[in-house]
Amino acid sequence: MEEGKVFDTNVLMRFKAGMGGKTTIINIVEYPKALSYNLEILIPNLDDYNRAIKIMDLLLKIGQPIPAADTIIAAICINRRLVLVTKDKHFKQVSLVENGFKVEGV
């Protein structure tokens, strides 16, 4: 797996034990089975939460909010310059308010 990518829950569900990469603690809460994978688990910090608040505020202003947990996942990726790999199309809305957000569909 590429080092610059973070795998969302819907992608982790297709993983097999022993596969590696990065994900967030939020994804682990959503899909605990991923603990058996060889993943680096990213934990949000204060900068991530502040950025998530900014993202949600901007998305609300344009009438396109996404789930709060997903704004935190996006913020983690933006702050660490990582690409989010997901099947969730609503993450594309973050790109409308954050130029530095990179998302890749599978």
PDB file of N, CA and C in Angstrom:
ATOM      1  N   MET A   1       0.836  -1.185   0.000  1.00  0.00           N
ATOM      2  CA  MET A   1       0.000   0.000   0.000  1.00  0.00           C
ATOM      3  C   MET A   1       0.881   1.248   0.000  1.00  0.00           C
ATOM      4  N   GLU A   2       0.381   2.294  -0.597  1.00  0.00           N
ATOM      5  CA  GLU A   2       1.155   3.517  -0.675  1.00  0.00           C
ATOM      6  C   GLU A   2       1.135   4.240   0.665  1.00  0.00           C
ATOM      7  N   GLU A   3       2.272   4.828   1.026  1.00  0.00           N
ATOM      8  CA  GLU A   3       2.390   5.488   2.325  1.00  0.00           C
ATOM      9  C   GLU A   3       1.559   6.754   2.430  1.00  0.00           C
ATOM     10  N   GLY A   4       1.286   7.429   1.331  1.00  0.00           N
ATOM     11  CA  GLY A   4       0.582   8.695   1.375  1.00  0.00           C
ATOM     12  C   GLY A   4      -0.919   8.581   1.311  1.00  0.00           C
ATOM     13  N   LYS A   5      -1.464   7.391   1.603  1.00  0.00           N
ATOM     14  CA  LYS A   5      -2.904   7.185   1.497  1.00  0.00           C
ATOM     15  C   LYS A   5      -3.498   6.736   2.820  1.00  0.00           C
ATOM     16  N   VAL A   6      -4.715   7.209   3.063  1.00  0.00           N
ATOM     17  CA  VAL A   6      -5.492   6.831   4.237  1.00  0.00           C
ATOM     18  C   VAL A   6      -6.731   6.108   3.727  1.00  0.00           C
ATOM     19  N   PHE A   7      -7.010   4.958   4.315  1.00  0.00           N
ATOM     20  CA  PHE A   7      -8.127   4.147   3.852  1.00  0.00           C
ATOM     21  C   PHE A   7      -9.359   4.347   4.720  1.00  0.00           C
ATOM     22  N   ASP A   8     -10.470   4.695   4.062  1.00  0.00           N
ATOM     23  CA  ASP A   8     -11.742   4.901   4.734  1.00  0.00           C
ATOM     24  C   ASP A   8     -12.366   3.536   5.061  1.00  0.00           C
ATOM     25  N   THR A   9     -13.366   3.552   5.924  1.00  0.00           N
ATOM     26  CA  THR A   9     -13.999   2.319   6.399  1.00  0.00           C
ATOM     27  C   THR A   9     -14.479   1.436   5.261  1.00  0.00           C
ATOM     28  N   ASN A  10     -15.119   2.031   4.258  1.00  0.00           N
ATOM     29  CA  ASN A  10     -15.670   1.220   3.172  1.00  0.00           C
ATOM     30  C   ASN A  10     -14.582   0.537   2.347  1.00  0.00           C
ATOM     31  N   VAL A  11     -13.389   1.044   2.383  1.00  0.00           N
ATOM     32  CA  VAL A  11     -12.256   0.403   1.708  1.00  0.00           C
ATOM     33  C   VAL A  11     -11.655  -0.666   2.616  1.00  0.00           C
ATOM     34  N   LEU A  12     -11.570  -0.371   3.910  1.00  0.00           N
ATOM     35  CA  LEU A  12     -11.030  -1.343   4.864  1.00  0.00           C
ATOM     36  C   LEU A  12     -11.845  -2.632   4.884  1.00  0.00           C
ATOM     37  N   MET A  13     -13.119  -2.535   4.626  1.00  0.00           N
ATOM     38  CA  MET A  13     -13.978  -3.722   4.640  1.00  0.00           C
ATOM     39  C   MET A  13     -13.591  -4.733   3.571  1.00  0.00           C
ATOM     40  N   ARG A  14     -12.831  -4.299   2.584  1.00  0.00           N
ATOM     41  CA  ARG A  14     -12.372  -5.206   1.523  1.00  0.00           C
ATOM     42  C   ARG A  14     -10.959  -5.717   1.782  1.00  0.00           C
ATOM     43  N   PHE A  15     -10.320  -5.222   2.832  1.00  0.00           N
ATOM     44  CA  PHE A  15      -8.965  -5.657   3.188  1.00  0.00           C
ATOM     45  C   PHE A  15      -8.997  -7.084   3.726  1.00  0.00           C
ATOM     46  N   LYS A  16      -7.828  -7.670   3.797  1.00  0.00           N
ATOM     47  CA  LYS A  16      -7.650  -8.971   4.427  1.00  0.00           C
ATOM     48  C   LYS A  16      -6.599  -8.825   5.512  1.00  0.00           C
ATOM     49  N   ALA A  17      -6.649  -9.685   6.504  1.00  0.00           N
ATOM     50  CA  ALA A  17      -5.686  -9.641   7.604  1.00  0.00           C
ATOM     51  C   ALA A  17      -4.268  -9.594   7.054  1.00  0.00           C
ATOM     52  N   GLY A  18      -3.445  -8.769   7.672  1.00  0.00           N
ATOM     53  CA  GLY A  18      -2.053  -8.644   7.262  1.00  0.00           C
ATOM     54  C   GLY A  18      -1.794  -7.518   6.280  1.00  0.00           C
ATOM     55  N   MET A  19      -2.860  -7.005   5.631  1.00  0.00           N
ATOM     56  CA  MET A  19      -2.663  -5.887   4.703  1.00  0.00           C
ATOM     57  C   MET A  19      -2.328  -4.647   5.520  1.00  0.00           C
ATOM     58  N   GLY A  20      -1.624  -3.712   4.924  1.00  0.00           N
ATOM     59  CA  GLY A  20      -1.183  -2.533   5.651  1.00  0.00           C
ATOM     60  C   GLY A  20      -1.613  -1.234   5.022  1.00  0.00           C
ATOM     61  N   GLY A  21      -1.201  -0.158   5.641  1.00  0.00           N
ATOM     62  CA  GLY A  21      -1.526   1.177   5.176  1.00  0.00           C
ATOM     63  C   GLY A  21      -1.851   2.053   6.363  1.00  0.00           C
ATOM     64  N   LYS A  22      -2.623   3.100   6.113  1.00  0.00           N
ATOM     65  CA  LYS A  22      -3.010   4.035   7.163  1.00  0.00           C
ATOM     66  C   LYS A  22      -4.521   4.151   7.212  1.00  0.00           C
ATOM     67  N   THR A  23      -5.021   4.407   8.405  1.00  0.00           N
ATOM     68  CA  THR A  23      -6.424   4.730   8.600  1.00  0.00           C
ATOM     69  C   THR A  23      -6.521   5.610   9.835  1.00  0.00           C
ATOM     70  N   THR A  24      -7.724   6.022  10.184  1.00  0.00           N
ATOM     71  CA  THR A  24      -7.900   6.855  11.367  1.00  0.00           C
ATOM     72  C   THR A  24      -8.581   6.054  12.469  1.00  0.00           C
ATOM     73  N   ILE A  25      -8.473   6.534  13.687  1.00  0.00           N
ATOM     74  CA  ILE A  25      -9.152   5.893  14.812  1.00  0.00           C
ATOM     75  C   ILE A  25     -10.662   5.900  14.598  1.00  0.00           C
ATOM     76  N   ILE A  26     -11.160   6.893  13.895  1.00  0.00           N
ATOM     77  CA  ILE A  26     -12.602   6.953  13.603  1.00  0.00           C
ATOM     78  C   ILE A  26     -13.012   5.758  12.759  1.00  0.00           C
ATOM     79  N   ASN A  27     -12.184   5.409  11.783  1.00  0.00           N
ATOM     80  CA  ASN A  27     -12.477   4.250  10.950  1.00  0.00           C
ATOM     81  C   ASN A  27     -12.402   2.951  11.750  1.00  0.00           C
ATOM     82  N   ILE A  28     -11.490   2.906  12.704  1.00  0.00           N
ATOM     83  CA  ILE A  28     -11.378   1.722  13.563  1.00  0.00           C
ATOM     84  C   ILE A  28     -12.625   1.579  14.432  1.00  0.00           C
ATOM     85  N   VAL A  29     -13.134   2.691  14.965  1.00  0.00           N
ATOM     86  CA  VAL A  29     -14.367   2.647  15.754  1.00  0.00           C
ATOM     87  C   VAL A  29     -15.516   2.135  14.893  1.00  0.00           C
ATOM     88  N   GLU A  30     -15.559   2.573  13.638  1.00  0.00           N
ATOM     89  CA  GLU A  30     -16.620   2.137  12.729  1.00  0.00           C
ATOM     90  C   GLU A  30     -16.466   0.677  12.322  1.00  0.00           C
ATOM     91  N   TYR A  31     -15.235   0.184  12.263  1.00  0.00           N
ATOM     92  CA  TYR A  31     -14.970  -1.169  11.767  1.00  0.00           C
ATOM     93  C   TYR A  31     -13.821  -1.788  12.573  1.00  0.00           C
ATOM     94  N   PRO A  32     -14.116  -2.249  13.799  1.00  0.00           N
ATOM     95  CA  PRO A  32     -13.073  -2.765  14.684  1.00  0.00           C
ATOM     96  C   PRO A  32     -12.259  -3.931  14.120  1.00  0.00           C
ATOM     97  N   LYS A  33     -12.817  -4.678  13.200  1.00  0.00           N
ATOM     98  CA  LYS A  33     -12.086  -5.800  12.601  1.00  0.00           C
ATOM     99  C   LYS A  33     -10.766  -5.327  11.978  1.00  0.00           C
ATOM    100  N   ALA A  34     -10.705  -4.071  11.595  1.00  0.00           N
ATOM    101  CA  ALA A  34      -9.496  -3.526  10.972  1.00  0.00           C
ATOM    102  C   ALA A  34      -8.307  -3.514  11.928  1.00  0.00           C
ATOM    103  N   LEU A  35      -8.558  -3.704  13.228  1.00  0.00           N
ATOM    104  CA  LEU A  35      -7.446  -3.803  14.180  1.00  0.00           C
ATOM    105  C   LEU A  35      -6.549  -5.005  13.877  1.00  0.00           C
ATOM    106  N   SER A  36      -7.088  -5.992  13.183  1.00  0.00           N
ATOM    107  CA  SER A  36      -6.291  -7.181  12.847  1.00  0.00           C
ATOM    108  C   SER A  36      -5.408  -6.948  11.617  1.00  0.00           C
ATOM    109  N   TYR A  37      -5.543  -5.804  10.976  1.00  0.00           N
ATOM    110  CA  TYR A  37      -4.737  -5.475   9.810  1.00  0.00           C
ATOM    111  C   TYR A  37      -3.450  -4.793  10.263  1.00  0.00           C
ATOM    112  N   ASN A  38      -2.513  -4.703   9.386  1.00  0.00           N
ATOM    113  CA  ASN A  38      -1.226  -4.069   9.684  1.00  0.00           C
ATOM    114  C   ASN A  38      -1.313  -2.581   9.316  1.00  0.00           C
ATOM    115  N   LEU A  39      -2.067  -1.826  10.123  1.00  0.00           N
ATOM    116  CA  LEU A  39      -2.352  -0.422   9.810  1.00  0.00           C
ATOM    117  C   LEU A  39      -1.699   0.530  10.790  1.00  0.00           C
ATOM    118  N   GLU A  40      -1.269   1.660  10.269  1.00  0.00           N
ATOM    119  CA  GLU A  40      -0.888   2.777  11.124  1.00  0.00           C
ATOM    120  C   GLU A  40      -2.183   3.534  11.408  1.00  0.00           C
ATOM    121  N   ILE A  41      -2.508   3.711  12.681  1.00  0.00           N
ATOM    122  CA  ILE A  41      -3.755   4.361  13.057  1.00  0.00           C
ATOM    123  C   ILE A  41      -3.470   5.809  13.432  1.00  0.00           C
ATOM    124  N   LEU A  42      -4.085   6.725  12.689  1.00  0.00           N
ATOM    125  CA  LEU A  42      -3.899   8.159  12.912  1.00  0.00           C
ATOM    126  C   LEU A  42      -4.934   8.662  13.909  1.00  0.00           C
ATOM    127  N   ILE A  43      -4.453   9.374  14.915  1.00  0.00           N
ATOM    128  CA  ILE A  43      -5.309   9.922  15.970  1.00  0.00           C
ATOM    129  C   ILE A  43      -5.431  11.427  15.749  1.00  0.00           C
ATOM    130  N   PRO A  44      -6.657  11.961  15.748  1.00  0.00           N
ATOM    131  CA  PRO A  44      -6.795  13.405  15.556  1.00  0.00           C
ATOM    132  C   PRO A  44      -6.218  14.192  16.724  1.00  0.00           C
ATOM    133  N   ASN A  45      -5.641  15.345  16.387  1.00  0.00           N
ATOM    134  CA  ASN A  45      -5.127  16.255  17.410  1.00  0.00           C
ATOM    135  C   ASN A  45      -5.965  17.543  17.373  1.00  0.00           C
ATOM    136  N   LEU A  46      -5.602  18.497  18.185  1.00  0.00           N
ATOM    137  CA  LEU A  46      -6.375  19.735  18.267  1.00  0.00           C
ATOM    138  C   LEU A  46      -6.440  20.458  16.919  1.00  0.00           C
ATOM    139  N   ASP A  47      -5.340  20.472  16.175  1.00  0.00           N
ATOM    140  CA  ASP A  47      -5.344  21.105  14.851  1.00  0.00           C
ATOM    141  C   ASP A  47      -6.346  20.423  13.915  1.00  0.00           C
ATOM    142  N   ASP A  48      -6.450  19.107  14.022  1.00  0.00           N
ATOM    143  CA  ASP A  48      -7.410  18.374  13.186  1.00  0.00           C
ATOM    144  C   ASP A  48      -8.843  18.748  13.538  1.00  0.00           C
ATOM    145  N   TYR A  49      -9.132  18.808  14.838  1.00  0.00           N
ATOM    146  CA  TYR A  49     -10.493  19.188  15.250  1.00  0.00           C
ATOM    147  C   TYR A  49     -10.825  20.617  14.829  1.00  0.00           C
ATOM    148  N   ASN A  50      -9.878  21.529  14.980  1.00  0.00           N
ATOM    149  CA  ASN A  50     -10.119  22.915  14.550  1.00  0.00           C
ATOM    150  C   ASN A  50     -10.363  22.995  13.052  1.00  0.00           C
ATOM    151  N   ARG A  51      -9.604  22.230  12.291  1.00  0.00           N
ATOM    152  CA  ARG A  51      -9.803  22.242  10.835  1.00  0.00           C
ATOM    153  C   ARG A  51     -11.141  21.612  10.477  1.00  0.00           C
ATOM    154  N   ALA A  52     -11.527  20.554  11.184  1.00  0.00           N
ATOM    155  CA  ALA A  52     -12.822  19.917  10.928  1.00  0.00           C
ATOM    156  C   ALA A  52     -13.968  20.902  11.177  1.00  0.00           C
ATOM    157  N   ILE A  53     -13.842  21.698  12.222  1.00  0.00           N
ATOM    158  CA  ILE A  53     -14.862  22.720  12.506  1.00  0.00           C
ATOM    159  C   ILE A  53     -14.929  23.726  11.367  1.00  0.00           C
ATOM    160  N   LYS A  54     -13.775  24.144  10.876  1.00  0.00           N
ATOM    161  CA  LYS A  54     -13.719  25.090   9.748  1.00  0.00           C
ATOM    162  C   LYS A  54     -14.368  24.469   8.504  1.00  0.00           C
ATOM    163  N   ILE A  55     -14.035  23.207   8.241  1.00  0.00           N
ATOM    164  CA  ILE A  55     -14.609  22.522   7.070  1.00  0.00           C
ATOM    165  C   ILE A  55     -16.128  22.476   7.178  1.00  0.00           C
ATOM    166  N   MET A  56     -16.634  22.042   8.346  1.00  0.00           N
ATOM    167  CA  MET A  56     -18.082  21.940   8.514  1.00  0.00           C
ATOM    168  C   MET A  56     -18.746  23.302   8.374  1.00  0.00           C
ATOM    169  N   ASP A  57     -18.148  24.337   8.955  1.00  0.00           N
ATOM    170  CA  ASP A  57     -18.711  25.684   8.845  1.00  0.00           C
ATOM    171  C   ASP A  57     -18.823  26.101   7.378  1.00  0.00           C
ATOM    172  N   LEU A  58     -17.768  25.861   6.618  1.00  0.00           N
ATOM    173  CA  LEU A  58     -17.786  26.230   5.197  1.00  0.00           C
ATOM    174  C   LEU A  58     -18.789  25.395   4.409  1.00  0.00           C
ATOM    175  N   LEU A  59     -18.881  24.115   4.714  1.00  0.00           N
ATOM    176  CA  LEU A  59     -19.852  23.253   4.020  1.00  0.00           C
ATOM    177  C   LEU A  59     -21.288  23.660   4.355  1.00  0.00           C
ATOM    178  N   LEU A  60     -21.530  24.025   5.600  1.00  0.00           N
ATOM    179  CA  LEU A  60     -22.866  24.494   5.979  1.00  0.00           C
ATOM    180  C   LEU A  60     -23.226  25.773   5.239  1.00  0.00           C
ATOM    181  N   LYS A  61     -22.254  26.654   5.073  1.00  0.00           N
ATOM    182  CA  LYS A  61     -22.505  27.924   4.372  1.00  0.00           C
ATOM    183  C   LYS A  61     -22.890  27.710   2.920  1.00  0.00           C
ATOM    184  N   ILE A  62     -22.401  26.629   2.301  1.00  0.00           N
ATOM    185  CA  ILE A  62     -22.777  26.361   0.901  1.00  0.00           C
ATOM    186  C   ILE A  62     -23.905  25.321   0.819  1.00  0.00           C
ATOM    187  N   GLY A  63     -24.438  24.950   1.974  1.00  0.00           N
ATOM    188  CA  GLY A  63     -25.575  24.037   2.000  1.00  0.00           C
ATOM    189  C   GLY A  63     -25.241  22.594   1.678  1.00  0.00           C
ATOM    190  N   GLN A  64     -23.999  22.176   1.951  1.00  0.00           N
ATOM    191  CA  GLN A  64     -23.597  20.810   1.620  1.00  0.00           C
ATOM    192  C   GLN A  64     -22.831  20.133   2.760  1.00  0.00           C
ATOM    193  N   PRO A  65     -23.438  20.069   3.950  1.00  0.00           N
ATOM    194  CA  PRO A  65     -22.734  19.426   5.066  1.00  0.00           C
ATOM    195  C   PRO A  65     -22.571  17.919   4.836  1.00  0.00           C
ATOM    196  N   ILE A  66     -21.579  17.359   5.492  1.00  0.00           N
ATOM    197  CA  ILE A  66     -21.342  15.913   5.470  1.00  0.00           C
ATOM    198  C   ILE A  66     -21.305  15.449   6.934  1.00  0.00           C
ATOM    199  N   PRO A  67     -21.317  14.145   7.182  1.00  0.00           N
ATOM    200  CA  PRO A  67     -21.258  13.691   8.573  1.00  0.00           C
ATOM    201  C   PRO A  67     -20.038  14.246   9.302  1.00  0.00           C
ATOM    202  N   ALA A  68     -20.245  14.598  10.575  1.00  0.00           N
ATOM    203  CA  ALA A  68     -19.186  15.218  11.381  1.00  0.00           C
ATOM    204  C   ALA A  68     -17.928  14.352  11.423  1.00  0.00           C
ATOM    205  N   ALA A  69     -18.089  13.052  11.593  1.00  0.00           N
ATOM    206  CA  ALA A  69     -16.922  12.168  11.651  1.00  0.00           C
ATOM    207  C   ALA A  69     -16.101  12.267  10.363  1.00  0.00           C
ATOM    208  N   ASP A  70     -16.777  12.452   9.257  1.00  0.00           N
ATOM    209  CA  ASP A  70     -16.066  12.546   7.977  1.00  0.00           C
ATOM    210  C   ASP A  70     -15.302  13.858   7.830  1.00  0.00           C
ATOM    211  N   THR A  71     -15.777  14.916   8.476  1.00  0.00           N
ATOM    212  CA  THR A  71     -14.999  16.159   8.437  1.00  0.00           C
ATOM    213  C   THR A  71     -13.698  15.989   9.221  1.00  0.00           C
ATOM    214  N   ILE A  72     -13.740  15.197  10.286  1.00  0.00           N
ATOM    215  CA  ILE A  72     -12.520  14.938  11.058  1.00  0.00           C
ATOM    216  C   ILE A  72     -11.549  14.095  10.240  1.00  0.00           C
ATOM    217  N   ILE A  73     -12.052  13.082   9.557  1.00  0.00           N
ATOM    218  CA  ILE A  73     -11.203  12.253   8.693  1.00  0.00           C
ATOM    219  C   ILE A  73     -10.563  13.122   7.609  1.00  0.00           C
ATOM    220  N   ALA A  74     -11.353  13.987   6.993  1.00  0.00           N
ATOM    221  CA  ALA A  74     -10.819  14.885   5.956  1.00  0.00           C
ATOM    222  C   ALA A  74      -9.749  15.803   6.528  1.00  0.00           C
ATOM    223  N   ALA A  75      -9.993  16.346   7.715  1.00  0.00           N
ATOM    224  CA  ALA A  75      -9.030  17.255   8.346  1.00  0.00           C
ATOM    225  C   ALA A  75      -7.712  16.541   8.638  1.00  0.00           C
ATOM    226  N   ILE A  76      -7.783  15.318   9.117  1.00  0.00           N
ATOM    227  CA  ILE A  76      -6.571  14.531   9.375  1.00  0.00           C
ATOM    228  C   ILE A  76      -5.762  14.398   8.091  1.00  0.00           C
ATOM    229  N   CYS A  77      -6.441  14.074   7.006  1.00  0.00           N
ATOM    230  CA  CYS A  77      -5.754  13.910   5.710  1.00  0.00           C
ATOM    231  C   CYS A  77      -5.151  15.225   5.226  1.00  0.00           C
ATOM    232  N   ILE A  78      -5.896  16.308   5.314  1.00  0.00           N
ATOM    233  CA  ILE A  78      -5.412  17.613   4.854  1.00  0.00           C
ATOM    234  C   ILE A  78      -4.186  18.032   5.662  1.00  0.00           C
ATOM    235  N   ASN A  79      -4.286  17.950   6.970  1.00  0.00           N
ATOM    236  CA  ASN A  79      -3.190  18.409   7.829  1.00  0.00           C
ATOM    237  C   ASN A  79      -1.920  17.592   7.669  1.00  0.00           C
ATOM    238  N   ARG A  80      -2.052  16.358   7.225  1.00  0.00           N
ATOM    239  CA  ARG A  80      -0.880  15.496   7.048  1.00  0.00           C
ATOM    240  C   ARG A  80      -0.507  15.305   5.577  1.00  0.00           C
ATOM    241  N   ARG A  81      -1.211  16.029   4.704  1.00  0.00           N
ATOM    242  CA  ARG A  81      -0.976  15.953   3.249  1.00  0.00           C
ATOM    243  C   ARG A  81      -1.078  14.523   2.728  1.00  0.00           C
ATOM    244  N   LEU A  82      -2.151  13.849   3.131  1.00  0.00           N
ATOM    245  CA  LEU A  82      -2.401  12.474   2.718  1.00  0.00           C
ATOM    246  C   LEU A  82      -3.630  12.425   1.827  1.00  0.00           C
ATOM    247  N   VAL A  83      -3.703  11.403   0.998  1.00  0.00           N
ATOM    248  CA  VAL A  83      -4.835  11.189   0.100  1.00  0.00           C
ATOM    249  C   VAL A  83      -5.813  10.229   0.772  1.00  0.00           C
ATOM    250  N   LEU A  84      -7.091  10.585   0.788  1.00  0.00           N
ATOM    251  CA  LEU A  84      -8.110   9.693   1.328  1.00  0.00           C
ATOM    252  C   LEU A  84      -8.619   8.787   0.221  1.00  0.00           C
ATOM    253  N   VAL A  85      -8.598   7.494   0.461  1.00  0.00           N
ATOM    254  CA  VAL A  85      -9.145   6.513  -0.483  1.00  0.00           C
ATOM    255  C   VAL A  85     -10.488   6.064   0.084  1.00  0.00           C
ATOM    256  N   THR A  86     -11.557   6.317  -0.665  1.00  0.00           N
ATOM    257  CA  THR A  86     -12.910   6.051  -0.173  1.00  0.00           C
ATOM    258  C   THR A  86     -13.858   5.766  -1.323  1.00  0.00           C
ATOM    259  N   LYS A  87     -14.991   5.177  -0.978  1.00  0.00           N
ATOM    260  CA  LYS A  87     -16.089   5.009  -1.931  1.00  0.00           C
ATOM    261  C   LYS A  87     -17.165   6.073  -1.704  1.00  0.00           C
ATOM    262  N   ASP A  88     -17.060   6.812  -0.595  1.00  0.00           N
ATOM    263  CA  ASP A  88     -18.066   7.822  -0.252  1.00  0.00           C
ATOM    264  C   ASP A  88     -17.909   9.061  -1.127  1.00  0.00           C
ATOM    265  N   LYS A  89     -18.905   9.296  -1.954  1.00  0.00           N
ATOM    266  CA  LYS A  89     -18.850  10.426  -2.881  1.00  0.00           C
ATOM    267  C   LYS A  89     -18.969  11.775  -2.184  1.00  0.00           C
ATOM    268  N   HIS A  90     -19.580  11.796  -1.000  1.00  0.00           N
ATOM    269  CA  HIS A  90     -19.773  13.093  -0.341  1.00  0.00           C
ATOM    270  C   HIS A  90     -18.452  13.731   0.090  1.00  0.00           C
ATOM    271  N   PHE A  91     -17.373  12.959   0.138  1.00  0.00           N
ATOM    272  CA  PHE A  91     -16.079  13.562   0.469  1.00  0.00           C
ATOM    273  C   PHE A  91     -15.643  14.566  -0.604  1.00  0.00           C
ATOM    274  N   LYS A  92     -16.142  14.421  -1.817  1.00  0.00           N
ATOM    275  CA  LYS A  92     -15.798  15.373  -2.881  1.00  0.00           C
ATOM    276  C   LYS A  92     -16.252  16.783  -2.523  1.00  0.00           C
ATOM    277  N   GLN A  93     -17.284  16.897  -1.692  1.00  0.00           N
ATOM    278  CA  GLN A  93     -17.777  18.206  -1.282  1.00  0.00           C
ATOM    279  C   GLN A  93     -16.715  18.966  -0.484  1.00  0.00           C
ATOM    280  N   VAL A  94     -15.872  18.245   0.224  1.00  0.00           N
ATOM    281  CA  VAL A  94     -14.813  18.906   0.992  1.00  0.00           C
ATOM    282  C   VAL A  94     -13.883  19.660   0.056  1.00  0.00           C
ATOM    283  N   SER A  95     -13.659  19.106  -1.131  1.00  0.00           N
ATOM    284  CA  SER A  95     -12.790  19.768  -2.118  1.00  0.00           C
ATOM    285  C   SER A  95     -13.345  21.118  -2.553  1.00  0.00           C
ATOM    286  N   LEU A  96     -14.638  21.332  -2.379  1.00  0.00           N
ATOM    287  CA  LEU A  96     -15.237  22.620  -2.727  1.00  0.00           C
ATOM    288  C   LEU A  96     -14.798  23.728  -1.781  1.00  0.00           C
ATOM    289  N   VAL A  97     -14.408  23.353  -0.559  1.00  0.00           N
ATOM    290  CA  VAL A  97     -14.048  24.367   0.437  1.00  0.00           C
ATOM    291  C   VAL A  97     -12.601  24.254   0.910  1.00  0.00           C
ATOM    292  N   GLU A  98     -11.915  23.196   0.515  1.00  0.00           N
ATOM    293  CA  GLU A  98     -10.519  22.967   0.920  1.00  0.00           C
ATOM    294  C   GLU A  98      -9.708  22.533  -0.293  1.00  0.00           C
ATOM    295  N   ASN A  99      -8.907  23.452  -0.829  1.00  0.00           N
ATOM    296  CA  ASN A  99      -8.106  23.131  -2.009  1.00  0.00           C
ATOM    297  C   ASN A  99      -7.076  22.046  -1.757  1.00  0.00           C
ATOM    298  N   GLY A 100      -6.619  21.906  -0.523  1.00  0.00           N
ATOM    299  CA  GLY A 100      -5.573  20.937  -0.211  1.00  0.00           C
ATOM    300  C   GLY A 100      -6.067  19.524   0.007  1.00  0.00           C
ATOM    301  N   PHE A 101      -7.375  19.301  -0.086  1.00  0.00           N
ATOM    302  CA  PHE A 101      -7.922  17.959   0.162  1.00  0.00           C
ATOM    303  C   PHE A 101      -7.825  17.118  -1.094  1.00  0.00           C
ATOM    304  N   LYS A 102      -7.245  15.924  -0.921  1.00  0.00           N
ATOM    305  CA  LYS A 102      -7.118  15.001  -2.050  1.00  0.00           C
ATOM    306  C   LYS A 102      -7.889  13.730  -1.703  1.00  0.00           C
ATOM    307  N   VAL A 103      -8.786  13.366  -2.604  1.00  0.00           N
ATOM    308  CA  VAL A 103      -9.588  12.172  -2.403  1.00  0.00           C
ATOM    309  C   VAL A 103      -9.520  11.319  -3.670  1.00  0.00           C
ATOM    310  N   GLU A 104      -9.469  10.026  -3.450  1.00  0.00           N
ATOM    311  CA  GLU A 104      -9.377   9.079  -4.559  1.00  0.00           C
ATOM    312  C   GLU A 104     -10.482   8.053  -4.382  1.00  0.00           C
ATOM    313  N   GLY A 105     -11.274   7.865  -5.426  1.00  0.00           N
ATOM    314  CA  GLY A 105     -12.333   6.867  -5.378  1.00  0.00           C
ATOM    315  C   GLY A 105     -11.820   5.510  -5.792  1.00  0.00           C
ATOM    316  N   VAL A 106     -12.498   4.503  -5.287  1.00  0.00           N
ATOM    317  CA  VAL A 106     -12.114   3.131  -5.662  1.00  0.00           C
ATOM    318  C   VAL A 106     -13.286   2.452  -6.337  1.00  0.00           C
TER     319      VAL A 106
END
